Amino acid sequence: MIKRNLESYYRSNPIGIILVVGFILRLIAAIFSKGYGWHDDQFLIIEIAQSWIDGIDYYSWLPSEDGTNTPEGFSFFYVGIHYLLFWFFEFIGIYDPQFKMLLIRLLHATWSLLIIYFGYNITLRLSNEDNAKLVAWILAVFWMFPMISVRNLVEFVCIPFIMYGLWIIIKSDCKTRYYTWLWAGIIFGLAFNIRFQTALIIGSIGLVMLIQSKWKEAITVALGTILSIIIFQGGIDYFVWGKPFVQLTEYVDYNMHNAALYIVSPWYTYVLFIFGIMIPPVSIFLFTGFFHQWKKILIIFLPVLIFLVFHSYYPNKQERFVITIIPLFIITGMIGWQILYHSSIKSSIIKKFVKGSWIFFWIINFILLVPVTIMYSKQARVESMAYMSKYGDINNFMIEDINQTVLRFPPQFYLQNWYNYQTLMKNDNYNEFIKKHRSDDISIQPGFVLFYQPDQIELRVENLRQVYPDLVFETIIEPGFMDRVLYWLNPINDNQNIYLYRNKAVIPNKIE
């Protein structure tokens, strides 16, 4: 009876069932997928907002009295939302960092459901119900989406705004009132306020409207977008800095002059990335479909293509940059592929190959879905901060990572304190470090030293005891399972063991 009722409900309201499944997966991710995925979703959002709540502009994003602070080039819109959320949490008595982040993840999980909803409706409008259901299922259960959905990743958080604005335009016709087009522009502006690069998508949608001779509609959408940007981007900057758009101006200037300072990869990096995550040979089907019906779905095709071409040309390449277009790529690829498959493929052998490819896709997808959905990302770094937080005031702490030249930032949000911690890295002069930091004054000594990586750990501890002779072993904080897997796949994902040594001169006794 229950099965028949579900089947009947699914036939009449498929998107309802798909949304429930999508939410269940995202709920699981919200509960179990702790930590953070990348540097930006923690240190450009969470750390900034919480430091402001604590009355400390730790990362120097705000104007200073001596005028030394300058705009950093990041939008305050999304960070400001988290500032308000954290303020509200503490207003009602919620201070625990892990509980705060659970609530944040739950909010993001719910927000991401709009991607499934609009993905279904956009596909239904441009194609048919079978394709719409397939697109919605992929958006709901695609192996990386539940985990990314609960992250503070601006590249993903902006997607519902893009798809909402796009849906308004796609479903509108010549009888649509001007304020609907204006509203679509305002929504696009909110996407821009979260992620500046969405200007490429928004501008491309406007270009398609002009190509389709929708001049008045395109101008109205543009006015709505500009209005939204003026109010939120310009208004917030004016409130903080006394001048509008200083963050945006700094962002453009910085990226024009520093593009080669980060990860520089070949132009085809993003194509290979999309090809890989979409699980071949299905990814081949989607790429084929993407180009097959480009004229019919130009309103989505051109924005995705321009976005992809720009980022492929731009020197700084990080995979998360193109996450924004993945749902739109799935929609266009699926529509085009299904038309090609049903109209041109007659061979029974090829049809069996296609069917087998989809079976392979779903098997691999669900194999990946389970561990990725529950992964505790950057577990060692988060838990090391949480461990030290139970000691209260620890003076400060130190990170010793002489095997690396690049510091892995400690997420002090989980420490619930903001210390100007010491570091000893590969390129540092050890003798100068000893001269600078050796002191009998325990008020300036770190309460803990965090040794990253196990390489020659005993020798490194003995060397540092020349500076802090009272170091004693406290505990080892280990990375999570998926952190270890990612490190095995690519050592750049350096989420290593962290060895905590307590300085008995500062903290005499261990808390059990």
Protein backbone atom coordinates (compact mmCIF):
# COMPACT_ATOMS: atom_id res chain seq x y z
CA MET A 1 0.00 0.00 0.00
CA ILE A 2 2.76 2.46 0.96
CA LYS A 3 4.71 1.56 -2.15
CA ARG A 4 1.66 2.10 -4.37
CA ASN A 5 0.93 5.44 -2.67
CA LEU A 6 4.52 6.60 -3.20
CA GLU A 7 4.47 5.54 -6.83
CA SER A 8 1.17 7.33 -7.34
CA TYR A 9 2.49 10.47 -5.65
CA TYR A 10 5.69 10.34 -7.68
CA ARG A 11 3.76 10.12 -10.93
CA SER A 12 1.70 13.17 -10.00
CA ASN A 13 4.42 15.16 -8.22
CA PRO A 14 7.89 13.80 -9.05
CA ILE A 15 9.77 16.89 -7.93
CA GLY A 16 8.31 16.51 -4.42
CA ILE A 17 9.84 13.05 -3.97
CA ILE A 18 13.14 14.13 -5.52
CA LEU A 19 13.36 17.13 -3.19
CA VAL A 20 12.74 14.91 -0.16
CA VAL A 21 15.54 12.55 -1.20
CA GLY A 22 17.82 15.49 -1.91
CA PHE A 23 17.08 17.00 1.47
CA ILE A 24 17.71 13.72 3.31
CA LEU A 25 21.17 13.48 1.74
CA ARG A 26 21.91 17.10 2.57
CA LEU A 27 20.65 16.60 6.11
CA ILE A 28 23.08 13.72 6.51
CA ALA A 29 25.86 15.93 5.16
CA ALA A 30 24.87 18.75 7.53
CA ILE A 31 25.14 16.41 10.51
CA PHE A 32 28.26 14.46 9.61
CA SER A 33 30.26 16.52 7.13
CA LYS A 34 31.95 18.81 9.62
CA GLY A 35 34.97 20.99 9.05
CA TYR A 36 35.54 22.94 5.87
CA GLY A 37 36.36 22.03 2.31
CA TRP A 38 38.68 24.78 1.11
CA HIS A 39 40.56 27.74 2.54
CA ASP A 40 38.01 30.25 1.29
CA ASP A 41 34.84 28.74 2.78
CA GLN A 42 36.41 28.93 6.25
CA PHE A 43 38.84 31.83 6.33
CA LEU A 44 37.05 34.27 4.02
CA ILE A 45 33.62 33.72 5.56
CA ILE A 46 33.39 32.04 8.96
CA GLU A 47 36.60 33.33 10.54
CA ILE A 48 35.93 36.88 9.36
CA ALA A 49 32.35 37.01 10.63
CA GLN A 50 33.11 35.46 14.03
CA SER A 51 36.10 37.70 14.66
CA TRP A 52 33.84 40.71 14.10
CA ILE A 53 31.32 39.27 16.55
CA ASP A 54 34.13 38.94 19.08
CA GLY A 55 35.06 42.58 18.54
CA ILE A 56 38.34 41.73 16.81
CA ASP A 57 39.04 42.52 13.17
CA TYR A 58 41.57 39.67 13.15
CA TYR A 59 42.14 39.60 9.39
CA SER A 60 42.13 43.40 8.98
CA TRP A 61 39.15 43.65 6.65
CA LEU A 62 37.74 46.80 8.25
CA PRO A 63 39.06 50.39 8.23
CA SER A 64 41.60 51.04 10.98
CA GLU A 65 42.09 54.19 13.01
CA ASP A 66 45.63 54.68 11.72
CA GLY A 67 44.52 54.17 8.13
CA THR A 68 46.80 51.19 7.48
CA ASN A 69 43.98 48.81 6.54
CA THR A 70 42.82 48.86 2.94
CA PRO A 71 39.99 47.06 1.10
CA GLU A 72 40.79 43.39 0.57
CA GLY A 73 38.67 42.95 -2.54
CA PHE A 74 36.02 40.62 -1.12
CA SER A 75 32.29 41.23 -1.04
CA PHE A 76 30.91 41.97 2.43
CA PHE A 77 27.42 40.79 1.45
CA TYR A 78 27.73 37.05 2.17
CA VAL A 79 30.13 37.60 5.08
CA GLY A 80 27.68 40.14 6.50
CA ILE A 81 24.88 37.57 6.43
CA HIS A 82 27.02 35.27 8.57
CA TYR A 83 27.86 38.12 10.90
CA LEU A 84 24.12 38.60 11.48
CA LEU A 85 23.58 34.85 11.89
CA PHE A 86 26.38 34.51 14.44
CA TRP A 87 25.10 37.56 16.29
CA PHE A 88 21.65 35.99 16.46
CA PHE A 89 23.03 32.64 17.60
CA GLU A 90 24.89 34.25 20.49
CA PHE A 91 21.91 36.47 21.28
CA ILE A 92 19.85 33.33 21.98
CA GLY A 93 22.70 31.70 23.89
CA ILE A 94 24.43 29.53 21.27
CA TYR A 95 28.22 29.83 21.57
CA ASP A 96 29.55 26.37 20.75
CA PRO A 97 31.36 26.55 17.37
CA GLN A 98 30.34 23.07 16.26
CA PHE A 99 26.68 23.74 17.01
CA LYS A 100 26.83 27.08 15.21
CA MET A 101 28.25 25.37 12.16
CA LEU A 102 25.62 22.63 12.32
CA LEU A 103 22.95 25.33 12.06
CA ILE A 104 24.85 27.04 9.24
CA ARG A 105 25.11 23.75 7.35
CA LEU A 106 21.40 23.08 7.82
CA LEU A 107 20.54 26.50 6.40
CA HIS A 108 22.79 25.92 3.40
CA ALA A 109 21.36 22.42 2.88
CA THR A 110 17.86 23.88 2.68
CA TRP A 111 18.99 26.73 0.42
CA SER A 112 20.60 24.30 -2.03
CA LEU A 113 17.29 22.52 -2.66
CA LEU A 114 16.38 25.44 -4.91
CA ILE A 115 18.99 24.18 -7.38
CA ILE A 116 17.04 20.92 -7.72
CA TYR A 117 13.69 22.70 -7.90
CA PHE A 118 14.69 25.24 -10.55
CA GLY A 119 16.73 22.65 -12.43
CA TYR A 120 13.62 20.51 -12.79
CA ASN A 121 11.38 23.39 -13.88
CA ILE A 122 13.89 24.88 -16.34
CA THR A 123 14.41 21.49 -17.98
CA LEU A 124 10.67 20.82 -18.05
CA ARG A 125 10.12 24.16 -19.78
CA LEU A 126 12.84 23.59 -22.37
CA SER A 127 12.36 19.86 -22.88
CA ASN A 128 10.02 17.25 -21.37
CA GLU A 129 9.13 15.65 -18.04
CA ASP A 130 11.37 12.60 -18.46
CA ASN A 131 14.42 14.78 -18.97
CA ALA A 132 13.34 17.09 -16.17
CA LYS A 133 13.11 14.19 -13.73
CA LEU A 134 16.49 12.82 -14.78
CA VAL A 135 18.14 16.23 -14.39
CA ALA A 136 16.51 16.69 -10.97
CA TRP A 137 17.68 13.27 -9.79
CA ILE A 138 21.24 14.02 -10.83
CA LEU A 139 21.15 17.40 -9.08
CA ALA A 140 19.71 15.73 -5.97
CA VAL A 141 22.07 12.76 -5.63
CA PHE A 142 25.18 13.69 -7.63
CA TRP A 143 28.05 12.44 -5.52
CA MET A 144 29.64 15.76 -4.59
CA PHE A 145 26.55 17.96 -4.31
CA PRO A 146 25.28 17.09 -0.79
CA MET A 147 28.72 17.77 0.69
CA ILE A 148 29.28 20.99 -1.27
CA SER A 149 25.72 22.09 -0.51
CA VAL A 150 26.54 22.47 3.19
CA ARG A 151 29.78 24.39 2.63
CA ASN A 152 30.20 28.15 2.74
CA LEU A 153 31.46 28.12 -0.82
CA VAL A 154 30.40 31.27 -2.67
CA GLU A 155 30.83 29.49 -6.01
CA PHE A 156 27.98 27.17 -5.02
CA VAL A 157 25.87 29.41 -2.78
CA CYS A 158 25.24 31.84 -5.65
CA ILE A 159 23.74 29.15 -7.93
CA PRO A 160 20.11 29.29 -6.63
CA PHE A 161 20.00 33.03 -7.41
CA ILE A 162 21.31 32.42 -10.94
CA MET A 163 18.83 29.62 -11.59
CA TYR A 164 15.92 31.56 -10.09
CA GLY A 165 16.61 34.58 -12.30
CA LEU A 166 17.06 32.30 -15.30
CA TRP A 167 13.78 30.53 -14.54
CA ILE A 168 11.93 33.85 -14.44
CA ILE A 169 13.29 34.76 -17.87
CA ILE A 170 12.65 31.35 -19.44
CA LYS A 171 9.04 31.13 -18.30
CA SER A 172 8.22 34.75 -19.22
CA ASP A 173 6.66 35.81 -22.50
CA CYS A 174 5.57 38.99 -24.27
CA LYS A 175 2.71 39.44 -21.79
CA THR A 176 5.00 39.45 -18.77
CA ARG A 177 4.93 42.74 -16.86
CA TYR A 178 8.08 44.85 -16.67
CA TYR A 179 8.44 44.43 -12.91
CA THR A 180 8.92 40.67 -13.39
CA TRP A 181 11.94 41.33 -15.60
CA LEU A 182 13.14 43.88 -13.05
CA TRP A 183 12.82 41.27 -10.31
CA ALA A 184 14.88 38.81 -12.36
CA GLY A 185 17.61 41.44 -12.55
CA ILE A 186 17.50 42.06 -8.80
CA ILE A 187 17.93 38.31 -8.23
CA PHE A 188 20.89 38.24 -10.61
CA GLY A 189 22.37 41.15 -8.70
CA LEU A 190 22.21 39.14 -5.48
CA ALA A 191 24.17 36.36 -7.19
CA PHE A 192 26.77 38.93 -8.21
CA ASN A 193 26.96 40.29 -4.67
CA ILE A 194 27.91 36.81 -3.49
CA ARG A 195 30.28 35.92 -6.34
CA PHE A 196 31.60 38.63 -8.64
CA GLN A 197 32.42 36.21 -11.49
CA THR A 198 28.71 35.55 -12.03
CA ALA A 199 28.80 38.76 -14.06
CA LEU A 200 29.96 36.56 -16.94
CA ILE A 201 26.80 34.45 -16.69
CA ILE A 202 24.46 37.38 -16.13
CA GLY A 203 25.98 39.40 -18.97
CA SER A 204 25.76 36.40 -21.31
CA ILE A 205 22.08 35.91 -20.50
CA GLY A 206 21.52 39.57 -21.34
CA LEU A 207 23.43 39.12 -24.60
CA VAL A 208 21.18 36.21 -25.59
CA MET A 209 18.12 38.34 -24.85
CA LEU A 210 19.49 41.03 -27.16
CA ILE A 211 20.17 38.42 -29.87
CA GLN A 212 16.55 37.33 -29.49
CA SER A 213 15.44 40.97 -29.97
CA LYS A 214 14.17 41.28 -26.40
CA TRP A 215 15.66 44.76 -26.05
CA LYS A 216 13.23 46.21 -23.53
CA GLU A 217 13.31 43.07 -21.41
CA ALA A 218 17.13 42.95 -21.47
CA ILE A 219 17.41 46.59 -20.45
CA THR A 220 14.90 46.07 -17.61
CA VAL A 221 16.83 43.03 -16.35
CA ALA A 222 20.04 45.05 -16.53
CA LEU A 223 18.45 47.88 -14.54
CA GLY A 224 17.32 45.42 -11.87
CA THR A 225 20.82 43.93 -11.68
CA ILE A 226 22.45 47.33 -11.39
CA LEU A 227 19.94 48.42 -8.76
CA SER A 228 20.66 45.33 -6.66
CA ILE A 229 24.42 45.86 -6.95
CA ILE A 230 24.14 49.55 -6.05
CA ILE A 231 22.04 48.85 -2.98
CA PHE A 232 23.97 45.92 -1.54
CA GLN A 233 27.48 46.11 -2.95
CA GLY A 234 27.77 49.85 -3.20
CA GLY A 235 25.70 50.54 -0.09
CA ILE A 236 27.65 48.23 2.20
CA ASP A 237 31.00 49.53 0.94
CA TYR A 238 29.84 53.10 1.46
CA PHE A 239 28.69 52.29 4.99
CA VAL A 240 32.01 50.62 5.87
CA TRP A 241 34.57 52.58 3.84
CA GLY A 242 32.79 55.83 3.06
CA LYS A 243 33.06 55.10 -0.68
CA PRO A 244 30.94 52.81 -2.86
CA PHE A 245 32.35 49.80 -4.74
CA VAL A 246 35.84 49.95 -3.21
CA GLN A 247 35.84 46.17 -2.59
CA LEU A 248 34.80 45.46 -6.18
CA THR A 249 37.39 47.86 -7.57
CA GLU A 250 40.12 46.29 -5.46
CA TYR A 251 39.02 42.80 -6.50
CA VAL A 252 39.28 43.62 -10.20
CA ASP A 253 42.61 45.40 -9.78
CA TYR A 254 44.13 42.57 -7.72
CA ASN A 255 43.09 39.84 -10.14
CA MET A 256 44.32 41.79 -13.15
CA HIS A 257 47.80 42.10 -11.66
CA ASN A 258 48.17 38.88 -9.66
CA ALA A 259 46.57 36.19 -11.80
CA ALA A 260 49.79 34.19 -12.09
CA LEU A 261 50.56 34.09 -8.36
CA TYR A 262 48.25 31.14 -7.72
CA ILE A 263 47.67 27.78 -9.40
CA VAL A 264 48.50 28.16 -13.10
CA SER A 265 47.32 25.22 -15.20
CA PRO A 266 46.77 24.44 -18.91
CA TRP A 267 43.70 25.84 -20.64
CA TYR A 268 42.01 22.42 -20.74
CA THR A 269 42.13 21.94 -16.95
CA TYR A 270 38.45 22.69 -16.39
CA VAL A 271 37.33 20.57 -19.33
CA LEU A 272 39.18 17.60 -17.87
CA PHE A 273 37.78 18.39 -14.43
CA ILE A 274 34.18 18.39 -15.65
CA PHE A 275 34.88 15.33 -17.79
CA GLY A 276 36.17 13.48 -14.72
CA ILE A 277 33.62 14.43 -12.07
CA MET A 278 30.69 13.67 -14.37
CA ILE A 279 32.00 10.10 -14.69
CA PRO A 280 32.84 9.01 -18.24
CA PRO A 281 31.45 7.86 -20.59
CA VAL A 282 28.31 9.73 -19.40
CA SER A 283 30.40 12.90 -19.30
CA ILE A 284 31.08 12.37 -23.01
CA PHE A 285 27.33 12.11 -23.63
CA LEU A 286 26.77 15.38 -21.77
CA PHE A 287 29.53 17.25 -23.63
CA THR A 288 28.10 15.97 -26.92
CA GLY A 289 24.60 17.01 -25.92
CA PHE A 290 25.86 20.39 -24.73
CA PHE A 291 26.96 21.32 -28.26
CA HIS A 292 24.29 19.39 -30.14
CA GLN A 293 21.31 21.64 -29.35
CA TRP A 294 23.09 24.90 -28.59
CA LYS A 295 20.71 27.03 -30.65
CA LYS A 296 17.63 25.66 -28.91
CA ILE A 297 19.06 26.26 -25.43
CA LEU A 298 21.16 29.33 -26.23
CA ILE A 299 19.93 31.12 -23.07
CA ILE A 300 21.89 28.58 -21.00
CA PHE A 301 24.47 27.37 -23.52
CA LEU A 302 26.13 30.73 -24.14
CA PRO A 303 26.52 31.73 -20.44
CA VAL A 304 28.07 28.34 -19.63
CA LEU A 305 30.38 28.49 -22.65
CA ILE A 306 31.57 32.05 -22.00
CA PHE A 307 32.11 31.31 -18.31
CA LEU A 308 34.10 28.19 -19.15
CA VAL A 309 36.16 29.86 -21.89
CA PHE A 310 37.04 32.84 -19.68
CA HIS A 311 38.17 30.68 -16.77
CA SER A 312 40.08 28.38 -19.11
CA TYR A 313 41.95 31.42 -20.47
CA TYR A 314 42.53 33.02 -17.06
CA PRO A 315 45.84 31.76 -15.56
CA ASN A 316 44.63 31.13 -11.98
CA LYS A 317 42.75 27.83 -12.10
CA GLN A 318 41.12 26.16 -9.11
CA GLU A 319 38.51 23.48 -9.70
CA ARG A 320 35.93 25.07 -7.41
CA PHE A 321 35.78 28.13 -9.69
CA VAL A 322 33.68 26.28 -12.28
CA ILE A 323 31.35 24.55 -9.81
CA THR A 324 28.95 27.44 -10.49
CA ILE A 325 28.13 26.22 -14.00
CA ILE A 326 27.90 22.46 -13.31
CA PRO A 327 24.07 22.40 -12.78
CA LEU A 328 23.54 24.46 -15.93
CA PHE A 329 25.92 22.19 -17.84
CA ILE A 330 23.94 19.15 -16.67
CA ILE A 331 20.69 20.72 -17.91
CA THR A 332 22.02 21.67 -21.34
CA GLY A 333 23.99 18.46 -21.78
CA MET A 334 21.05 16.27 -20.83
CA ILE A 335 18.56 18.04 -23.09
CA GLY A 336 20.89 17.89 -26.09
CA TRP A 337 21.98 14.31 -25.48
CA GLN A 338 18.47 12.96 -25.12
CA ILE A 339 17.40 14.61 -28.38
CA LEU A 340 20.46 13.17 -30.13
CA TYR A 341 19.98 9.72 -28.61
CA HIS A 342 16.32 9.37 -29.51
CA SER A 343 16.62 10.89 -32.99
CA SER A 344 19.91 9.55 -34.31
CA ILE A 345 21.00 6.39 -32.50
CA LYS A 346 19.43 3.30 -34.04
CA SER A 347 22.06 0.62 -33.44
CA SER A 348 21.10 -1.85 -30.72
CA ILE A 349 24.79 -2.27 -29.81
CA ILE A 350 25.22 1.45 -29.21
CA LYS A 351 21.97 1.56 -27.24
CA LYS A 352 23.23 -1.26 -25.01
CA PHE A 353 26.50 0.63 -24.56
CA VAL A 354 24.61 3.79 -23.55
CA LYS A 355 22.43 1.85 -21.11
CA GLY A 356 25.49 0.17 -19.61
CA SER A 357 27.22 3.54 -19.35
CA TRP A 358 24.34 4.95 -17.30
CA ILE A 359 24.38 1.89 -15.05
CA PHE A 360 28.11 2.41 -14.57
CA PHE A 361 27.49 6.11 -13.85
CA TRP A 362 24.99 5.41 -11.09
CA ILE A 363 27.13 2.66 -9.52
CA ILE A 364 30.22 4.88 -9.34
CA ASN A 365 28.11 7.84 -8.23
CA PHE A 366 26.68 5.98 -5.24
CA ILE A 367 30.06 4.46 -4.35
CA LEU A 368 31.41 8.02 -4.10
CA LEU A 369 28.25 9.53 -2.62
CA VAL A 370 28.39 7.76 0.73
CA PRO A 371 31.94 8.59 1.91
CA VAL A 372 31.94 12.10 0.42
CA THR A 373 28.57 13.01 1.97
CA ILE A 374 29.74 12.14 5.49
CA MET A 375 33.36 13.26 5.19
CA TYR A 376 34.77 15.36 8.04
CA SER A 377 37.02 17.62 5.99
CA LYS A 378 40.18 19.12 7.55
CA GLN A 379 39.40 17.12 10.69
CA ALA A 380 42.88 17.33 12.23
CA ARG A 381 43.06 21.12 11.94
CA VAL A 382 39.55 21.62 13.33
CA GLU A 383 39.89 19.13 16.19
CA SER A 384 43.29 20.45 17.24
CA MET A 385 41.72 23.87 17.77
CA ALA A 386 38.72 22.35 19.54
CA TYR A 387 41.06 20.36 21.80
CA MET A 388 43.00 23.44 22.89
CA SER A 389 39.80 25.41 23.45
CA LYS A 390 38.98 23.37 26.56
CA TYR A 391 42.03 24.89 28.30
CA GLY A 392 40.69 28.44 28.08
CA ASP A 393 43.48 31.01 27.90
CA ILE A 394 46.65 29.36 26.57
CA ASN A 395 48.66 32.61 26.06
CA ASN A 396 49.12 31.72 22.40
CA PHE A 397 50.20 28.69 20.40
CA MET A 398 52.79 27.75 17.84
CA ILE A 399 52.75 25.77 14.59
CA GLU A 400 55.94 23.89 13.69
CA ASP A 401 55.83 22.62 10.11
CA ILE A 402 59.42 22.73 8.87
CA ASN A 403 58.64 20.26 6.10
CA GLN A 404 56.43 22.81 4.34
CA THR A 405 56.88 26.29 2.92
CA VAL A 406 53.17 27.17 2.87
CA LEU A 407 51.31 27.52 6.17
CA ARG A 408 48.06 25.57 6.63
CA PHE A 409 46.01 28.16 8.49
CA PRO A 410 44.60 27.08 11.86
CA PRO A 411 40.80 27.64 12.09
CA GLN A 412 40.71 29.70 15.29
CA PHE A 413 36.92 29.89 15.05
CA TYR A 414 36.95 26.48 16.78
CA LEU A 415 39.51 27.67 19.34
CA GLN A 416 37.11 30.46 20.36
CA ASN A 417 40.05 32.78 20.73
CA TRP A 418 42.20 34.90 18.46
CA TYR A 419 45.92 34.56 19.06
CA ASN A 420 48.84 35.96 17.08
CA TYR A 421 50.37 32.51 16.95
CA GLN A 422 53.99 31.74 16.14
CA THR A 423 55.11 29.69 13.14
CA LEU A 424 58.29 27.83 12.19
CA MET A 425 58.32 26.82 8.53
CA LYS A 426 60.78 25.32 6.07
CA ASN A 427 62.15 28.64 4.86
CA ASP A 428 62.59 30.14 8.33
CA ASN A 429 66.05 30.56 9.85
CA TYR A 430 66.06 28.28 12.87
CA ASN A 431 68.88 30.06 14.74
CA GLU A 432 67.15 33.40 14.35
CA PHE A 433 63.93 31.85 15.61
CA ILE A 434 65.71 30.61 18.75
CA LYS A 435 67.24 34.02 19.42
CA LYS A 436 63.94 35.78 18.92
CA HIS A 437 61.71 33.52 20.98
CA ARG A 438 63.93 32.08 23.76
CA SER A 439 62.70 33.69 26.96
CA ASP A 440 62.04 32.77 30.59
CA ASP A 441 58.98 35.01 30.57
CA ILE A 442 56.14 32.47 30.45
CA SER A 443 53.61 35.21 29.67
CA ILE A 444 54.87 35.27 26.09
CA GLN A 445 55.43 31.53 25.67
CA PRO A 446 52.87 29.43 23.77
CA GLY A 447 50.67 27.09 25.75
CA PHE A 448 50.81 24.52 22.97
CA VAL A 449 53.06 23.66 20.04
CA LEU A 450 51.44 21.90 17.09
CA PHE A 451 53.84 19.75 15.08
CA TYR A 452 52.48 19.06 11.60
CA GLN A 453 53.44 15.75 9.93
CA PRO A 454 55.35 12.85 11.55
CA ASP A 455 58.64 13.24 9.66
CA GLN A 456 61.53 13.24 12.18
CA ILE A 457 59.11 14.27 14.90
CA GLU A 458 61.41 13.27 17.81
CA LEU A 459 64.31 15.36 16.49
CA ARG A 460 62.07 18.33 15.82
CA VAL A 461 60.64 18.22 19.35
CA GLU A 462 64.12 18.05 20.87
CA ASN A 463 65.28 20.98 18.78
CA LEU A 464 62.34 23.11 19.87
CA ARG A 465 62.97 22.26 23.52
CA GLN A 466 65.99 24.56 23.18
CA VAL A 467 63.43 27.33 23.10
CA TYR A 468 60.66 25.82 25.24
CA PRO A 469 62.26 23.21 27.53
CA ASP A 470 59.00 22.25 29.26
CA LEU A 471 57.29 20.74 26.22
CA VAL A 472 55.50 17.46 26.95
CA PHE A 473 53.54 15.25 24.61
CA GLU A 474 49.79 15.81 24.90
CA THR A 475 47.95 13.98 22.09
CA ILE A 476 47.79 13.19 18.39
CA ILE A 477 44.96 14.57 16.29
CA GLU A 478 44.50 12.43 13.19
CA PRO A 479 42.91 13.36 9.86
CA GLY A 480 39.63 11.78 8.82
CA PHE A 481 39.33 8.86 6.43
CA MET A 482 38.53 10.97 3.37
CA ASP A 483 41.32 13.42 4.19
CA ARG A 484 43.73 10.47 4.06
CA VAL A 485 42.21 9.22 0.81
CA LEU A 486 42.49 12.67 -0.81
CA TYR A 487 46.11 12.92 0.31
CA TRP A 488 46.80 9.52 -1.23
CA LEU A 489 45.21 10.63 -4.50
CA ASN A 490 47.04 13.94 -4.53
CA PRO A 491 49.63 15.02 -1.90
CA ILE A 492 48.59 18.65 -2.41
CA ASN A 493 45.66 17.78 -0.12
CA ASP A 494 47.98 17.95 2.87
CA ASN A 495 45.76 17.12 5.87
CA GLN A 496 48.30 15.43 8.06
CA ASN A 497 48.57 14.21 11.65
CA ILE A 498 48.98 17.01 14.18
CA TYR A 499 51.05 16.29 17.28
CA LEU A 500 50.11 18.50 20.22
CA TYR A 501 52.78 19.25 22.81
CA ARG A 502 51.81 21.17 25.92
CA ASN A 503 54.14 23.72 27.46
CA LYS A 504 54.11 22.87 31.18
CA ALA A 505 55.57 26.27 32.01
CA VAL A 506 52.30 27.82 30.82
CA ILE A 507 49.82 24.97 31.44
CA PRO A 508 51.15 22.70 34.22
CA ASN A 509 48.41 20.08 34.18
CA LYS A 510 46.64 18.11 31.49
CA ILE A 511 42.86 18.23 31.40
CA GLU A 512 41.46 14.72 31.12
